[in-house]
Amino acid sequence: MKRIIIGIFSVLLVIFTLQGCDTGDEEIISPLPSERLKYLGGVVTPGDARNVFAGKIGGTDFAFVADGPHGLQIINAGNPRQPFIVSSLNNIGYSYDITVSTINNAKYAFIAASTNGLAVVNVSNPSSPSLTSVVSFTNDAVISVAVNENTKKAYAGTFNGYLYVIDVSVLPAQPVNLGNYDAYDRIKGLAVSGNYCYLAEPGYGIEIINVQNHLNPYNVSFFDTPGDPQDIVISSEYNIAYIADGNAGLTVLDVTNPADPYFCVTKYSYDDVLGVSVNQDYVFTAEFTEGCEAFSIWGDPSEPKRRSYYLTDGYAYGVFARNEIIYIADGFNGLVILSLF
């Protein structure tokens, strides 16, 4: 009954919110592919690249790829025109999502490893990663992950719709599951900002969860987006949520007040938007069969403006932008690296 009432309220909320708002129902004018995004390099991974995270270790750029059935692939991207795989961990389970954080002066990759659970891998030496621990959940599969370095808490989203709060301050000892929240649908995408977790649930919308009390996280609001949310990223600078909204495109919410998110716009896309990343003045989307699209948010972060796209050879599942380099998890095509000019 609770879910039915909330669902009805969600529909009414969207109807009233959309009045006077730009739903993004505009003519899609294709920008020139070469206008901003340019191909630098790529490497075909052995699996099915689902998501990617990039960062520096020891002064060198590395890309960490959640490679589906082939677990983790670590790629040296110091020369983005000639990236190469330096190491792999193939026995951690089907890998959907990944993030890398510094905990207790060590670099760890946190990997959503499906039915195996949340895999924690020490990647301080990218050439020799080591599996530190696995946090598993009975009869469930971890499909999304986020980490708050400040609080040293990891958040795992599962197929059965549970958000788990995990204490990783004890690393390299075994992380401890602190509490959980029962969401309304599977948690396909997950972001954390301050005391809030933002859950992208394809069959429901966006849930915003207060996680300040790690033992008892609770819902503060929800928003039924026009599409089926696959991923979400938060710009803490602008208090804006950018949502990979599946068949609807890119949806933007103002989350200045997490208890009352405000709909800004939806920008329709060429194919389902499965991944999203924000960096400086641009938002980038991974659009399944249509590659990567770049939107400018300079001047008005609530109204992204189409700037360019790049059509990849594979299936774009995930995207991560760092400085002026964009990394795309391109399915069977592996990792694709673009630059923004």
C-alpha atoms as a PDB file:
ATOM      1  CA  MET A   1       0.000   0.000   0.000  1.00  0.00           C
ATOM      2  CA  LYS A   2       2.876   2.357   0.890  1.00  0.00           C
ATOM      3  CA  ARG A   3       4.416   1.979  -2.545  1.00  0.00           C
ATOM      4  CA  ILE A   4       1.086   2.502  -4.315  1.00  0.00           C
ATOM      5  CA  ILE A   5       0.442   5.746  -2.419  1.00  0.00           C
ATOM      6  CA  ILE A   6       3.945   7.008  -3.062  1.00  0.00           C
ATOM      7  CA  GLY A   7       3.652   6.054  -6.729  1.00  0.00           C
ATOM      8  CA  ILE A   8       0.403   8.049  -7.115  1.00  0.00           C
ATOM      9  CA  PHE A   9       1.958  11.027  -5.354  1.00  0.00           C
ATOM     10  CA  SER A  10       4.993  10.741  -7.639  1.00  0.00           C
ATOM     11  CA  VAL A  11       2.825  11.004 -10.748  1.00  0.00           C
ATOM     12  CA  LEU A  12       0.997  14.060  -9.385  1.00  0.00           C
ATOM     13  CA  LEU A  13       4.291  15.644  -8.390  1.00  0.00           C
ATOM     14  CA  VAL A  14       5.716  15.266 -11.885  1.00  0.00           C
ATOM     15  CA  ILE A  15       2.551  16.665 -13.495  1.00  0.00           C
ATOM     16  CA  PHE A  16       2.680  19.812 -11.384  1.00  0.00           C
ATOM     17  CA  THR A  17       6.451  20.128 -11.601  1.00  0.00           C
ATOM     18  CA  LEU A  18       6.536  19.877 -15.379  1.00  0.00           C
ATOM     19  CA  GLN A  19       4.102  22.744 -15.762  1.00  0.00           C
ATOM     20  CA  GLY A  20       6.142  25.705 -16.914  1.00  0.00           C
ATOM     21  CA  CYS A  21       9.347  23.619 -17.187  1.00  0.00           C
ATOM     22  CA  ASP A  22      11.296  22.721 -20.298  1.00  0.00           C
ATOM     23  CA  THR A  23      10.771  19.035 -20.957  1.00  0.00           C
ATOM     24  CA  GLY A  24      13.465  19.045 -23.593  1.00  0.00           C
ATOM     25  CA  ASP A  25      10.983  18.280 -26.351  1.00  0.00           C
ATOM     26  CA  GLU A  26      13.120  20.059 -28.899  1.00  0.00           C
ATOM     27  CA  GLU A  27      14.301  19.171 -32.364  1.00  0.00           C
ATOM     28  CA  ILE A  28      17.562  17.277 -32.054  1.00  0.00           C
ATOM     29  CA  ILE A  29      20.145  18.975 -34.241  1.00  0.00           C
ATOM     30  CA  SER A  30      23.208  16.810 -34.635  1.00  0.00           C
ATOM     31  CA  PRO A  31      26.462  18.664 -33.934  1.00  0.00           C
ATOM     32  CA  LEU A  32      29.429  17.892 -36.151  1.00  0.00           C
ATOM     33  CA  PRO A  33      31.206  14.826 -34.747  1.00  0.00           C
ATOM     34  CA  SER A  34      34.594  16.556 -35.049  1.00  0.00           C
ATOM     35  CA  GLU A  35      33.474  19.825 -33.472  1.00  0.00           C
ATOM     36  CA  ARG A  36      34.729  19.067 -29.947  1.00  0.00           C
ATOM     37  CA  LEU A  37      35.296  15.356 -29.314  1.00  0.00           C
ATOM     38  CA  LYS A  38      38.259  13.673 -30.958  1.00  0.00           C
ATOM     39  CA  TYR A  39      39.492  10.101 -30.825  1.00  0.00           C
ATOM     40  CA  LEU A  40      42.807   9.563 -29.066  1.00  0.00           C
ATOM     41  CA  GLY A  41      43.139   5.830 -28.612  1.00  0.00           C
ATOM     42  CA  GLY A  42      41.635   2.646 -27.285  1.00  0.00           C
ATOM     43  CA  VAL A  43      42.238  -0.922 -26.263  1.00  0.00           C
ATOM     44  CA  VAL A  44      40.012  -3.955 -26.718  1.00  0.00           C
ATOM     45  CA  THR A  45      39.528  -5.699 -23.386  1.00  0.00           C
ATOM     46  CA  PRO A  46      38.911  -9.455 -23.093  1.00  0.00           C
ATOM     47  CA  GLY A  47      35.430  -9.034 -21.610  1.00  0.00           C
ATOM     48  CA  ASP A  48      32.491  -6.656 -21.996  1.00  0.00           C
ATOM     49  CA  ALA A  49      33.431  -3.203 -20.658  1.00  0.00           C
ATOM     50  CA  ARG A  50      30.555  -1.919 -18.498  1.00  0.00           C
ATOM     51  CA  ASN A  51      32.036   1.041 -16.652  1.00  0.00           C
ATOM     52  CA  VAL A  52      35.307   2.877 -16.121  1.00  0.00           C
ATOM     53  CA  PHE A  53      37.100   5.077 -13.619  1.00  0.00           C
ATOM     54  CA  ALA A  54      40.324   6.986 -14.266  1.00  0.00           C
ATOM     55  CA  GLY A  55      42.926   8.623 -12.069  1.00  0.00           C
ATOM     56  CA  LYS A  56      46.615   9.090 -11.391  1.00  0.00           C
ATOM     57  CA  ILE A  57      48.799   6.690  -9.454  1.00  0.00           C
ATOM     58  CA  GLY A  58      52.469   7.536  -9.095  1.00  0.00           C
ATOM     59  CA  GLY A  59      52.121  10.375 -11.585  1.00  0.00           C
ATOM     60  CA  THR A  60      50.724   8.154 -14.357  1.00  0.00           C
ATOM     61  CA  ASP A  61      47.143   8.083 -15.650  1.00  0.00           C
ATOM     62  CA  PHE A  62      45.368   4.745 -15.349  1.00  0.00           C
ATOM     63  CA  ALA A  63      41.926   3.599 -16.427  1.00  0.00           C
ATOM     64  CA  PHE A  64      40.178   0.952 -14.327  1.00  0.00           C
ATOM     65  CA  VAL A  65      37.602  -0.983 -16.324  1.00  0.00           C
ATOM     66  CA  ALA A  66      34.750  -3.083 -14.933  1.00  0.00           C
ATOM     67  CA  ASP A  67      34.983  -5.667 -17.707  1.00  0.00           C
ATOM     68  CA  GLY A  68      31.888  -7.789 -17.254  1.00  0.00           C
ATOM     69  CA  PRO A  69      32.786 -11.508 -17.148  1.00  0.00           C
ATOM     70  CA  HIS A  70      36.510 -10.683 -17.083  1.00  0.00           C
ATOM     71  CA  GLY A  71      36.459  -8.718 -13.858  1.00  0.00           C
ATOM     72  CA  LEU A  72      38.936  -5.857 -13.572  1.00  0.00           C
ATOM     73  CA  GLN A  73      41.247  -4.564 -16.287  1.00  0.00           C
ATOM     74  CA  ILE A  74      43.846  -1.927 -15.376  1.00  0.00           C
ATOM     75  CA  ILE A  75      45.026   0.112 -18.331  1.00  0.00           C
ATOM     76  CA  ASN A  76      48.014   2.429 -18.523  1.00  0.00           C
ATOM     77  CA  ALA A  77      46.683   5.588 -20.175  1.00  0.00           C
ATOM     78  CA  GLY A  78      49.737   7.748 -19.568  1.00  0.00           C
ATOM     79  CA  ASN A  79      49.945   8.060 -23.339  1.00  0.00           C
ATOM     80  CA  PRO A  80      46.229   8.103 -24.241  1.00  0.00           C
ATOM     81  CA  ARG A  81      47.075   7.465 -27.887  1.00  0.00           C
ATOM     82  CA  GLN A  82      48.648   4.131 -26.984  1.00  0.00           C
ATOM     83  CA  PRO A  83      46.901   2.714 -23.906  1.00  0.00           C
ATOM     84  CA  PHE A  84      47.741  -0.832 -22.862  1.00  0.00           C
ATOM     85  CA  ILE A  85      46.570  -3.351 -20.267  1.00  0.00           C
ATOM     86  CA  VAL A  86      49.065  -3.676 -17.424  1.00  0.00           C
ATOM     87  CA  SER A  87      47.178  -6.164 -15.240  1.00  0.00           C
ATOM     88  CA  SER A  88      43.896  -8.005 -14.738  1.00  0.00           C
ATOM     89  CA  LEU A  89      41.870  -9.734 -12.049  1.00  0.00           C
ATOM     90  CA  ASN A  90      39.552 -12.159 -13.784  1.00  0.00           C
ATOM     91  CA  ASN A  91      38.247 -14.124 -10.811  1.00  0.00           C
ATOM     92  CA  ILE A  92      36.214 -11.512  -8.937  1.00  0.00           C
ATOM     93  CA  GLY A  93      32.883 -12.078 -10.671  1.00  0.00           C
ATOM     94  CA  TYR A  94      30.875 -10.276 -13.342  1.00  0.00           C
ATOM     95  CA  SER A  95      31.850  -6.620 -12.924  1.00  0.00           C
ATOM     96  CA  TYR A  96      29.231  -3.931 -13.573  1.00  0.00           C
ATOM     97  CA  ASP A  97      30.525  -0.813 -11.876  1.00  0.00           C
ATOM     98  CA  ILE A  98      33.761   0.556 -10.401  1.00  0.00           C
ATOM     99  CA  THR A  99      35.204   3.459  -8.461  1.00  0.00           C
ATOM    100  CA  VAL A 100      38.669   4.033  -7.007  1.00  0.00           C
ATOM    101  CA  SER A 101      39.345   5.819  -3.713  1.00  0.00           C
ATOM    102  CA  THR A 102      42.189   6.463  -1.300  1.00  0.00           C
ATOM    103  CA  ILE A 103      41.543   4.856   2.078  1.00  0.00           C
ATOM    104  CA  ASN A 104      44.197   4.758   4.808  1.00  0.00           C
ATOM    105  CA  ASN A 105      46.908   5.904   2.384  1.00  0.00           C
ATOM    106  CA  ALA A 106      46.262   3.095  -0.088  1.00  0.00           C
ATOM    107  CA  LYS A 107      44.428   3.056  -3.403  1.00  0.00           C
ATOM    108  CA  TYR A 108      41.482   0.694  -3.584  1.00  0.00           C
ATOM    109  CA  ALA A 109      39.164  -0.219  -6.432  1.00  0.00           C
ATOM    110  CA  PHE A 110      35.608  -0.931  -5.298  1.00  0.00           C
ATOM    111  CA  ILE A 111      33.878  -3.169  -7.800  1.00  0.00           C
ATOM    112  CA  ALA A 112      30.214  -4.136  -8.117  1.00  0.00           C
ATOM    113  CA  ALA A 113      30.850  -7.817  -8.798  1.00  0.00           C
ATOM    114  CA  SER A 114      27.293  -9.113  -9.204  1.00  0.00           C
ATOM    115  CA  THR A 115      26.455 -12.216  -7.143  1.00  0.00           C
ATOM    116  CA  ASN A 116      29.988 -12.294  -5.719  1.00  0.00           C
ATOM    117  CA  GLY A 117      29.224  -9.017  -3.921  1.00  0.00           C
ATOM    118  CA  LEU A 118      31.377  -5.919  -3.460  1.00  0.00           C
ATOM    119  CA  ALA A 119      34.992  -6.662  -4.311  1.00  0.00           C
ATOM    120  CA  VAL A 120      37.724  -4.467  -2.802  1.00  0.00           C
ATOM    121  CA  VAL A 121      41.046  -4.546  -4.656  1.00  0.00           C
ATOM    122  CA  ASN A 122      44.275  -2.844  -3.628  1.00  0.00           C
ATOM    123  CA  VAL A 123      45.531  -1.063  -6.758  1.00  0.00           C
ATOM    124  CA  SER A 124      48.312   0.980  -5.162  1.00  0.00           C
ATOM    125  CA  ASN A 125      50.615  -0.921  -7.514  1.00  0.00           C
ATOM    126  CA  PRO A 126      48.572  -1.054 -10.744  1.00  0.00           C
ATOM    127  CA  SER A 127      50.852  -3.723 -12.205  1.00  0.00           C
ATOM    128  CA  SER A 128      50.103  -6.053  -9.312  1.00  0.00           C
ATOM    129  CA  PRO A 129      46.579  -5.598  -7.926  1.00  0.00           C
ATOM    130  CA  SER A 130      45.506  -7.757  -5.018  1.00  0.00           C
ATOM    131  CA  LEU A 131      42.036  -8.749  -3.870  1.00  0.00           C
ATOM    132  CA  THR A 132      41.745  -7.398  -0.317  1.00  0.00           C
ATOM    133  CA  SER A 133      38.226  -8.473   0.611  1.00  0.00           C
ATOM    134  CA  VAL A 134      34.749  -9.297  -0.626  1.00  0.00           C
ATOM    135  CA  VAL A 135      31.496  -8.206   1.002  1.00  0.00           C
ATOM    136  CA  SER A 136      28.739 -10.531  -0.167  1.00  0.00           C
ATOM    137  CA  PHE A 137      24.962 -10.452   0.238  1.00  0.00           C
ATOM    138  CA  THR A 138      22.878 -13.618   0.275  1.00  0.00           C
ATOM    139  CA  ASN A 139      20.655 -14.170  -2.781  1.00  0.00           C
ATOM    140  CA  ASP A 140      21.474 -10.756  -4.228  1.00  0.00           C
ATOM    141  CA  ALA A 141      23.836  -9.121  -6.720  1.00  0.00           C
ATOM    142  CA  VAL A 142      25.760  -5.855  -6.411  1.00  0.00           C
ATOM    143  CA  ILE A 143      25.346  -3.768  -9.581  1.00  0.00           C
ATOM    144  CA  SER A 144      26.377  -0.247  -8.502  1.00  0.00           C
ATOM    145  CA  VAL A 145      28.887   1.286  -6.093  1.00  0.00           C
ATOM    146  CA  ALA A 146      29.974   4.641  -4.677  1.00  0.00           C
ATOM    147  CA  VAL A 147      32.451   5.698  -1.987  1.00  0.00           C
ATOM    148  CA  ASN A 148      32.681   8.722   0.278  1.00  0.00           C
ATOM    149  CA  GLU A 149      36.388   9.190   1.026  1.00  0.00           C
ATOM    150  CA  ASN A 150      35.696  11.717   3.791  1.00  0.00           C
ATOM    151  CA  THR A 151      33.551   9.373   5.872  1.00  0.00           C
ATOM    152  CA  LYS A 152      35.280   6.223   4.620  1.00  0.00           C
ATOM    153  CA  LYS A 153      31.977   4.624   3.771  1.00  0.00           C
ATOM    154  CA  ALA A 154      31.173   2.556   0.685  1.00  0.00           C
ATOM    155  CA  TYR A 155      27.667   2.216  -0.723  1.00  0.00           C
ATOM    156  CA  ALA A 156      26.553  -0.846  -2.656  1.00  0.00           C
ATOM    157  CA  GLY A 157      23.367  -0.949  -4.739  1.00  0.00           C
ATOM    158  CA  THR A 158      21.865  -4.325  -5.540  1.00  0.00           C
ATOM    159  CA  PHE A 159      19.645  -6.003  -8.093  1.00  0.00           C
ATOM    160  CA  ASN A 160      17.023  -6.746  -5.448  1.00  0.00           C
ATOM    161  CA  GLY A 161      16.852  -3.065  -4.543  1.00  0.00           C
ATOM    162  CA  TYR A 162      18.904  -2.725  -1.392  1.00  0.00           C
ATOM    163  CA  LEU A 163      21.349   0.038  -0.539  1.00  0.00           C
ATOM    164  CA  TYR A 164      24.061  -1.216   1.807  1.00  0.00           C
ATOM    165  CA  VAL A 165      26.254   1.112   3.876  1.00  0.00           C
ATOM    166  CA  ILE A 166      29.699  -0.393   4.458  1.00  0.00           C
ATOM    167  CA  ASP A 167      32.455   0.824   6.777  1.00  0.00           C
ATOM    168  CA  VAL A 168      35.757   0.703   4.868  1.00  0.00           C
ATOM    169  CA  SER A 169      37.746   2.701   7.421  1.00  0.00           C
ATOM    170  CA  VAL A 170      39.085  -0.633   8.690  1.00  0.00           C
ATOM    171  CA  LEU A 171      40.853  -1.507   5.437  1.00  0.00           C
ATOM    172  CA  PRO A 172      42.884  -3.570   4.796  1.00  0.00           C
ATOM    173  CA  ALA A 173      40.842  -5.519   7.371  1.00  0.00           C
ATOM    174  CA  GLN A 174      37.440  -6.892   6.370  1.00  0.00           C
ATOM    175  CA  PRO A 175      34.887  -4.055   5.771  1.00  0.00           C
ATOM    176  CA  VAL A 176      31.808  -4.068   7.985  1.00  0.00           C
ATOM    177  CA  ASN A 177      28.206  -3.823   6.788  1.00  0.00           C
ATOM    178  CA  LEU A 178      26.553  -1.152   8.954  1.00  0.00           C
ATOM    179  CA  GLY A 179      23.004  -0.762   7.693  1.00  0.00           C
ATOM    180  CA  ASN A 180      20.754  -0.921   4.661  1.00  0.00           C
ATOM    181  CA  TYR A 181      17.794   0.705   2.962  1.00  0.00           C
ATOM    182  CA  ASP A 182      15.084  -1.167   1.057  1.00  0.00           C
ATOM    183  CA  ALA A 183      14.580   0.752  -2.204  1.00  0.00           C
ATOM    184  CA  TYR A 184      11.650   0.457  -4.616  1.00  0.00           C
ATOM    185  CA  ASP A 185      13.522  -1.076  -7.554  1.00  0.00           C
ATOM    186  CA  ARG A 186      16.957  -2.352  -8.465  1.00  0.00           C
ATOM    187  CA  ILE A 187      19.644   0.288  -7.943  1.00  0.00           C
ATOM    188  CA  LYS A 188      21.244   0.601 -11.363  1.00  0.00           C
ATOM    189  CA  GLY A 189      23.161   3.792 -10.612  1.00  0.00           C
ATOM    190  CA  LEU A 190      24.430   5.329  -7.408  1.00  0.00           C
ATOM    191  CA  ALA A 191      26.029   8.612  -6.353  1.00  0.00           C
ATOM    192  CA  VAL A 192      26.966  10.044  -2.968  1.00  0.00           C
ATOM    193  CA  SER A 193      27.301  13.707  -2.039  1.00  0.00           C
ATOM    194  CA  GLY A 194      27.619  14.900   1.535  1.00  0.00           C
ATOM    195  CA  ASN A 195      25.076  13.145   3.730  1.00  0.00           C
ATOM    196  CA  TYR A 196      22.944  11.924   0.823  1.00  0.00           C
ATOM    197  CA  CYS A 197      22.895   8.980  -1.550  1.00  0.00           C
ATOM    198  CA  TYR A 198      21.129   9.310  -4.887  1.00  0.00           C
ATOM    199  CA  LEU A 199      19.679   6.101  -6.306  1.00  0.00           C
ATOM    200  CA  ALA A 200      18.856   5.594  -9.991  1.00  0.00           C
ATOM    201  CA  GLU A 201      16.093   2.985 -10.209  1.00  0.00           C
ATOM    202  CA  PRO A 202      14.924   2.112 -13.766  1.00  0.00           C
ATOM    203  CA  GLY A 203      11.371   1.145 -12.839  1.00  0.00           C
ATOM    204  CA  TYR A 204      10.797   3.905 -10.329  1.00  0.00           C
ATOM    205  CA  GLY A 205      12.904   7.052 -10.690  1.00  0.00           C
ATOM    206  CA  ILE A 206      15.345   8.789  -8.361  1.00  0.00           C
ATOM    207  CA  GLU A 207      15.369   8.216  -4.612  1.00  0.00           C
ATOM    208  CA  ILE A 208      17.351  10.495  -2.316  1.00  0.00           C
ATOM    209  CA  ILE A 209      18.484   8.842   0.907  1.00  0.00           C
ATOM    210  CA  ASN A 210      19.854  10.478   4.035  1.00  0.00           C
ATOM    211  CA  VAL A 211      22.828   8.371   5.145  1.00  0.00           C
ATOM    212  CA  GLN A 212      24.133  10.580   7.952  1.00  0.00           C
ATOM    213  CA  ASN A 213      23.103   7.870  10.399  1.00  0.00           C
ATOM    214  CA  HIS A 214      24.877   4.963   8.751  1.00  0.00           C
ATOM    215  CA  LEU A 215      22.923   2.455  10.810  1.00  0.00           C
ATOM    216  CA  ASN A 216      19.546   3.784   9.721  1.00  0.00           C
ATOM    217  CA  PRO A 217      19.476   5.412   6.263  1.00  0.00           C
ATOM    218  CA  TYR A 218      16.083   6.795   5.261  1.00  0.00           C
ATOM    219  CA  ASN A 219      14.293   8.306   2.272  1.00  0.00           C
ATOM    220  CA  VAL A 220      13.936  12.100   2.168  1.00  0.00           C
ATOM    221  CA  SER A 221      12.448  12.437  -1.323  1.00  0.00           C
ATOM    222  CA  PHE A 222      11.926  10.841  -4.710  1.00  0.00           C
ATOM    223  CA  PHE A 223      11.389  11.998  -8.271  1.00  0.00           C
ATOM    224  CA  ASP A 224       9.752  10.094 -11.104  1.00  0.00           C
ATOM    225  CA  THR A 225      11.855  11.029 -14.138  1.00  0.00           C
ATOM    226  CA  PRO A 226      10.503  10.860 -17.718  1.00  0.00           C
ATOM    227  CA  GLY A 227      12.600   7.779 -18.517  1.00  0.00           C
ATOM    228  CA  ASP A 228      14.156   4.792 -16.773  1.00  0.00           C
ATOM    229  CA  PRO A 229      17.213   6.010 -14.802  1.00  0.00           C
ATOM    230  CA  GLN A 230      20.405   4.035 -15.371  1.00  0.00           C
ATOM    231  CA  ASP A 231      23.050   6.231 -13.781  1.00  0.00           C
ATOM    232  CA  ILE A 232      23.405   9.484 -11.854  1.00  0.00           C
ATOM    233  CA  VAL A 233      26.152  11.959 -11.036  1.00  0.00           C
ATOM    234  CA  ILE A 234      26.021  14.983  -8.732  1.00  0.00           C
ATOM    235  CA  SER A 235      27.744  18.301  -9.348  1.00  0.00           C
ATOM    236  CA  SER A 236      28.455  19.477  -5.802  1.00  0.00           C
ATOM    237  CA  GLU A 237      29.560  22.840  -7.214  1.00  0.00           C
ATOM    238  CA  TYR A 238      26.116  23.552  -8.668  1.00  0.00           C
ATOM    239  CA  ASN A 239      23.897  21.206  -6.586  1.00  0.00           C
ATOM    240  CA  ILE A 240      22.683  19.653  -9.817  1.00  0.00           C
ATOM    241  CA  ALA A 241      21.957  15.984 -10.520  1.00  0.00           C
ATOM    242  CA  TYR A 242      22.606  14.744 -14.053  1.00  0.00           C
ATOM    243  CA  ILE A 243      20.737  11.533 -14.794  1.00  0.00           C
ATOM    244  CA  ALA A 244      21.296   8.969 -17.516  1.00  0.00           C
ATOM    245  CA  ASP A 245      17.565   8.558 -18.028  1.00  0.00           C
ATOM    246  CA  GLY A 246      17.515   5.624 -20.420  1.00  0.00           C
ATOM    247  CA  ASN A 247      15.116   6.059 -23.321  1.00  0.00           C
ATOM    248  CA  ALA A 248      14.250   9.642 -22.268  1.00  0.00           C
ATOM    249  CA  GLY A 249      17.799  10.982 -22.591  1.00  0.00           C
ATOM    250  CA  LEU A 250      19.648  13.240 -20.140  1.00  0.00           C
ATOM    251  CA  THR A 251      17.518  14.527 -17.262  1.00  0.00           C
ATOM    252  CA  VAL A 252      18.605  17.360 -14.970  1.00  0.00           C
ATOM    253  CA  LEU A 253      17.390  17.995 -11.405  1.00  0.00           C
ATOM    254  CA  ASP A 254      18.231  20.819  -9.031  1.00  0.00           C
ATOM    255  CA  VAL A 255      18.995  19.156  -5.683  1.00  0.00           C
ATOM    256  CA  THR A 256      19.913  22.261  -3.695  1.00  0.00           C
ATOM    257  CA  ASN A 257      17.263  21.018  -1.285  1.00  0.00           C
ATOM    258  CA  PRO A 258      17.519  17.198  -1.386  1.00  0.00           C
ATOM    259  CA  ALA A 259      14.114  16.949   0.287  1.00  0.00           C
ATOM    260  CA  ASP A 260      12.535  18.805  -2.620  1.00  0.00           C
ATOM    261  CA  PRO A 261      14.327  18.130  -5.951  1.00  0.00           C
ATOM    262  CA  TYR A 262      13.308  20.410  -8.788  1.00  0.00           C
ATOM    263  CA  PHE A 263      12.980  19.314 -12.406  1.00  0.00           C
ATOM    264  CA  CYS A 264      15.014  21.432 -14.828  1.00  0.00           C
ATOM    265  CA  VAL A 265      15.053  19.760 -18.234  1.00  0.00           C
ATOM    266  CA  THR A 266      15.318  16.528 -20.208  1.00  0.00           C
ATOM    267  CA  LYS A 267      17.485  16.467 -23.317  1.00  0.00           C
ATOM    268  CA  TYR A 268      16.430  13.705 -25.639  1.00  0.00           C
ATOM    269  CA  SER A 269      19.205  11.576 -27.114  1.00  0.00           C
ATOM    270  CA  TYR A 270      20.006   9.410 -30.113  1.00  0.00           C
ATOM    271  CA  ASP A 271      19.774   6.159 -28.113  1.00  0.00           C
ATOM    272  CA  ASP A 272      19.282   5.062 -24.517  1.00  0.00           C
ATOM    273  CA  VAL A 273      21.547   7.002 -22.156  1.00  0.00           C
ATOM    274  CA  LEU A 274      23.217   4.409 -19.927  1.00  0.00           C
ATOM    275  CA  GLY A 275      26.014   6.409 -18.319  1.00  0.00           C
ATOM    276  CA  VAL A 276      26.801   9.995 -17.368  1.00  0.00           C
ATOM    277  CA  SER A 277      29.778  11.994 -16.113  1.00  0.00           C
ATOM    278  CA  VAL A 278      30.332  15.661 -15.270  1.00  0.00           C
ATOM    279  CA  ASN A 279      33.646  17.483 -15.382  1.00  0.00           C
ATOM    280  CA  GLN A 280      34.249  21.220 -15.166  1.00  0.00           C
ATOM    281  CA  ASP A 281      31.881  22.855 -17.674  1.00  0.00           C
ATOM    282  CA  TYR A 282      30.747  19.738 -19.546  1.00  0.00           C
ATOM    283  CA  VAL A 283      28.462  16.750 -19.099  1.00  0.00           C
ATOM    284  CA  PHE A 284      29.126  13.579 -21.072  1.00  0.00           C
ATOM    285  CA  THR A 285      26.697  10.766 -21.821  1.00  0.00           C
ATOM    286  CA  ALA A 286      27.190   7.158 -22.884  1.00  0.00           C
ATOM    287  CA  GLU A 287      24.450   6.413 -25.412  1.00  0.00           C
ATOM    288  CA  PHE A 288      24.537   2.660 -26.080  1.00  0.00           C
ATOM    289  CA  THR A 289      24.757   2.307 -29.908  1.00  0.00           C
ATOM    290  CA  GLU A 290      25.460   6.021 -30.445  1.00  0.00           C
ATOM    291  CA  GLY A 291      28.671   6.491 -28.474  1.00  0.00           C
ATOM    292  CA  CYS A 292      29.396   9.611 -26.444  1.00  0.00           C
ATOM    293  CA  GLU A 293      27.737  13.021 -26.468  1.00  0.00           C
ATOM    294  CA  ALA A 294      29.104  16.225 -24.919  1.00  0.00           C
ATOM    295  CA  PHE A 295      26.925  18.962 -23.413  1.00  0.00           C
ATOM    296  CA  SER A 296      28.149  22.358 -22.256  1.00  0.00           C
ATOM    297  CA  ILE A 297      26.883  23.591 -18.889  1.00  0.00           C
ATOM    298  CA  TRP A 298      28.944  26.780 -18.867  1.00  0.00           C
ATOM    299  CA  GLY A 299      26.822  29.722 -17.774  1.00  0.00           C
ATOM    300  CA  ASP A 300      23.766  27.629 -16.892  1.00  0.00           C
ATOM    301  CA  PRO A 301      24.393  24.173 -15.383  1.00  0.00           C
ATOM    302  CA  SER A 302      20.644  23.488 -15.314  1.00  0.00           C
ATOM    303  CA  GLU A 303      20.359  23.743 -19.122  1.00  0.00           C
ATOM    304  CA  PRO A 304      22.955  21.561 -20.887  1.00  0.00           C
ATOM    305  CA  LYS A 305      23.657  22.563 -24.491  1.00  0.00           C
ATOM    306  CA  ARG A 306      24.618  20.036 -27.138  1.00  0.00           C
ATOM    307  CA  ARG A 307      28.160  20.515 -28.382  1.00  0.00           C
ATOM    308  CA  SER A 308      29.425  17.336 -30.008  1.00  0.00           C
ATOM    309  CA  TYR A 309      29.263  13.581 -30.177  1.00  0.00           C
ATOM    310  CA  TYR A 310      31.513  10.682 -31.119  1.00  0.00           C
ATOM    311  CA  LEU A 311      30.143   7.434 -32.542  1.00  0.00           C
ATOM    312  CA  THR A 312      32.044   4.479 -31.103  1.00  0.00           C
ATOM    313  CA  ASP A 313      32.290   0.992 -32.595  1.00  0.00           C
ATOM    314  CA  GLY A 314      30.857  -0.840 -29.600  1.00  0.00           C
ATOM    315  CA  TYR A 315      28.070  -0.370 -27.075  1.00  0.00           C
ATOM    316  CA  ALA A 316      28.661   2.625 -24.810  1.00  0.00           C
ATOM    317  CA  TYR A 317      27.653   1.556 -21.298  1.00  0.00           C
ATOM    318  CA  GLY A 318      29.663   3.919 -19.122  1.00  0.00           C
ATOM    319  CA  VAL A 319      31.650   7.153 -19.293  1.00  0.00           C
ATOM    320  CA  PHE A 320      34.123   8.939 -17.032  1.00  0.00           C
ATOM    321  CA  ALA A 321      35.597  12.388 -17.669  1.00  0.00           C
ATOM    322  CA  ARG A 322      38.787  13.686 -16.091  1.00  0.00           C
ATOM    323  CA  ASN A 323      40.226  17.042 -17.073  1.00  0.00           C
ATOM    324  CA  GLU A 324      39.898  17.105 -20.887  1.00  0.00           C
ATOM    325  CA  ILE A 325      40.052  13.326 -21.364  1.00  0.00           C
ATOM    326  CA  ILE A 326      36.930  11.172 -21.674  1.00  0.00           C
ATOM    327  CA  TYR A 327      37.016   7.424 -21.071  1.00  0.00           C
ATOM    328  CA  ILE A 328      34.227   5.249 -22.472  1.00  0.00           C
ATOM    329  CA  ALA A 329      33.392   1.686 -21.429  1.00  0.00           C
ATOM    330  CA  ASP A 330      32.393   0.504 -24.894  1.00  0.00           C
ATOM    331  CA  GLY A 331      31.208  -3.058 -24.336  1.00  0.00           C
ATOM    332  CA  PHE A 332      32.906  -5.622 -26.579  1.00  0.00           C
ATOM    333  CA  ASN A 333      35.027  -2.781 -28.010  1.00  0.00           C
ATOM    334  CA  GLY A 334      36.703  -2.270 -24.643  1.00  0.00           C
ATOM    335  CA  LEU A 335      38.017   1.159 -23.645  1.00  0.00           C
ATOM    336  CA  VAL A 336      37.785   4.200 -25.918  1.00  0.00           C
ATOM    337  CA  ILE A 337      39.634   7.416 -25.030  1.00  0.00           C
ATOM    338  CA  LEU A 338      38.548  10.791 -26.409  1.00  0.00           C
ATOM    339  CA  SER A 339      39.754  14.341 -25.901  1.00  0.00           C
ATOM    340  CA  LEU A 340      37.727  17.498 -25.555  1.00  0.00           C
ATOM    341  CA  PHE A 341      39.121  20.407 -27.536  1.00  0.00           C
END
